[in-house]
Amino acid sequence: MQHSGLLIIEGVGLFRPELAKYLTYKIWVDVPQEVANARGKKRDREVHKNPQDAKWDGPWKRNDEEYFNEYKPKEMADLVINNS
C-alpha cells in the first residue's frame, strides 16, 4: 500500500505548543461552546444511547473553557471554518 504522507488528526486539545511543531497545517472548526455542547449531548443521547449531560455541563465544559483561554486554538489555526 502506498502512503501519500498525509495524516489527519482530530481532537479539541491538539493545539498546544508542545504538539504544534508536529502539525504542518492546522484547521479549527469554530462553533460556540453552547452549540457544540448541545450537539454533543444530542449525539450521546440519540446515537450512543448514553446521556452524559452532567459531564457536558460540568467538567467537560470547564476543561474546554480553560483550554480555549490558555491556548487560543482559533488564533493558532491556519484555517478557521465556521460551523455555527
Protein backbone atom coordinates (compact mmCIF):
# COMPACT_ATOMS: atom_id res chain seq x y z
CA MET A 1 0.00 0.00 0.00
CA GLN A 2 1.29 3.46 -0.91
CA HIS A 3 1.20 6.25 1.63
CA SER A 4 0.63 9.83 0.48
CA GLY A 5 2.30 11.35 3.54
CA LEU A 6 -0.95 12.93 4.69
CA LEU A 7 -2.23 12.24 8.18
CA ILE A 8 -5.32 13.92 9.61
CA ILE A 9 -5.59 14.08 13.41
CA GLU A 10 -8.76 15.26 15.16
CA GLY A 11 -9.05 16.46 18.72
CA VAL A 12 -10.10 19.55 20.65
CA GLY A 13 -6.89 19.76 22.69
CA LEU A 14 -4.30 19.31 19.94
CA PHE A 15 -3.31 22.95 19.51
CA ARG A 16 -0.71 23.06 22.26
CA PRO A 17 2.81 24.43 21.83
CA GLU A 18 4.42 21.06 22.53
CA LEU A 19 2.36 19.44 19.75
CA ALA A 20 2.09 22.33 17.26
CA LYS A 21 5.63 21.77 15.99
CA TYR A 22 4.46 18.40 14.61
CA LEU A 23 1.47 19.86 12.78
CA THR A 24 2.06 21.21 9.29
CA TYR A 25 -1.39 22.70 8.77
CA LYS A 26 -3.95 23.36 11.49
CA ILE A 27 -7.69 23.65 10.83
CA TRP A 28 -10.02 24.89 13.55
CA VAL A 29 -13.75 24.21 13.21
CA ASP A 30 -15.26 27.14 15.08
CA VAL A 31 -18.61 26.78 16.84
CA PRO A 32 -19.90 28.45 20.01
CA GLN A 33 -19.37 26.19 23.01
CA GLU A 34 -23.07 26.10 23.87
CA VAL A 35 -23.87 24.87 20.34
CA ALA A 36 -21.08 22.27 20.43
CA ASN A 37 -22.25 21.03 23.86
CA ALA A 38 -25.87 20.79 22.69
CA ARG A 39 -24.73 18.77 19.67
CA GLY A 40 -22.61 16.50 21.87
CA LYS A 41 -25.47 15.89 24.29
CA LYS A 42 -27.84 15.09 21.43
CA ARG A 43 -25.35 12.68 19.84
CA ASP A 44 -24.72 10.93 23.16
CA ARG A 45 -28.44 10.51 23.80
CA GLU A 46 -29.63 9.62 20.29
CA VAL A 47 -26.71 7.83 18.66
CA HIS A 48 -24.82 6.27 21.57
CA LYS A 49 -27.83 5.86 23.90
CA ASN A 50 -25.55 7.12 26.67
CA PRO A 51 -26.74 10.50 28.03
CA GLN A 52 -23.92 12.40 29.75
CA ASP A 53 -25.43 15.86 30.16
CA ALA A 54 -23.86 16.35 33.60
CA LYS A 55 -20.37 15.86 32.13
CA TRP A 56 -21.09 18.15 29.18
CA ASP A 57 -22.36 20.86 31.55
CA GLY A 58 -19.69 20.27 34.21
CA PRO A 59 -16.11 19.09 33.83
CA TRP A 60 -16.00 18.86 30.03
CA LYS A 61 -17.29 22.43 29.67
CA ARG A 62 -14.79 23.73 32.25
CA ASN A 63 -11.92 21.85 30.59
CA ASP A 64 -12.82 23.30 27.19
CA GLU A 65 -13.08 26.84 28.57
CA GLU A 66 -9.67 26.54 30.25
CA TYR A 67 -8.12 25.18 27.07
CA PHE A 68 -9.65 27.89 24.84
CA ASN A 69 -8.50 30.65 27.21
CA GLU A 70 -4.98 29.32 27.66
CA TYR A 71 -4.09 28.10 24.17
CA LYS A 72 -6.39 30.17 21.91
CA PRO A 73 -6.64 27.47 19.24
CA LYS A 74 -8.62 29.67 16.85
CA GLU A 75 -5.66 32.07 16.71
CA MET A 76 -3.18 29.23 16.13
CA ALA A 77 -5.11 27.81 13.18
CA ASP A 78 -4.03 28.17 9.58
CA LEU A 79 -7.68 27.88 8.52
CA VAL A 80 -10.83 28.59 10.53
CA ILE A 81 -14.13 27.08 9.41
CA ASN A 82 -17.33 28.49 10.90
CA ASN A 83 -19.73 25.68 11.83
CA SER A 84 -22.28 27.56 13.97
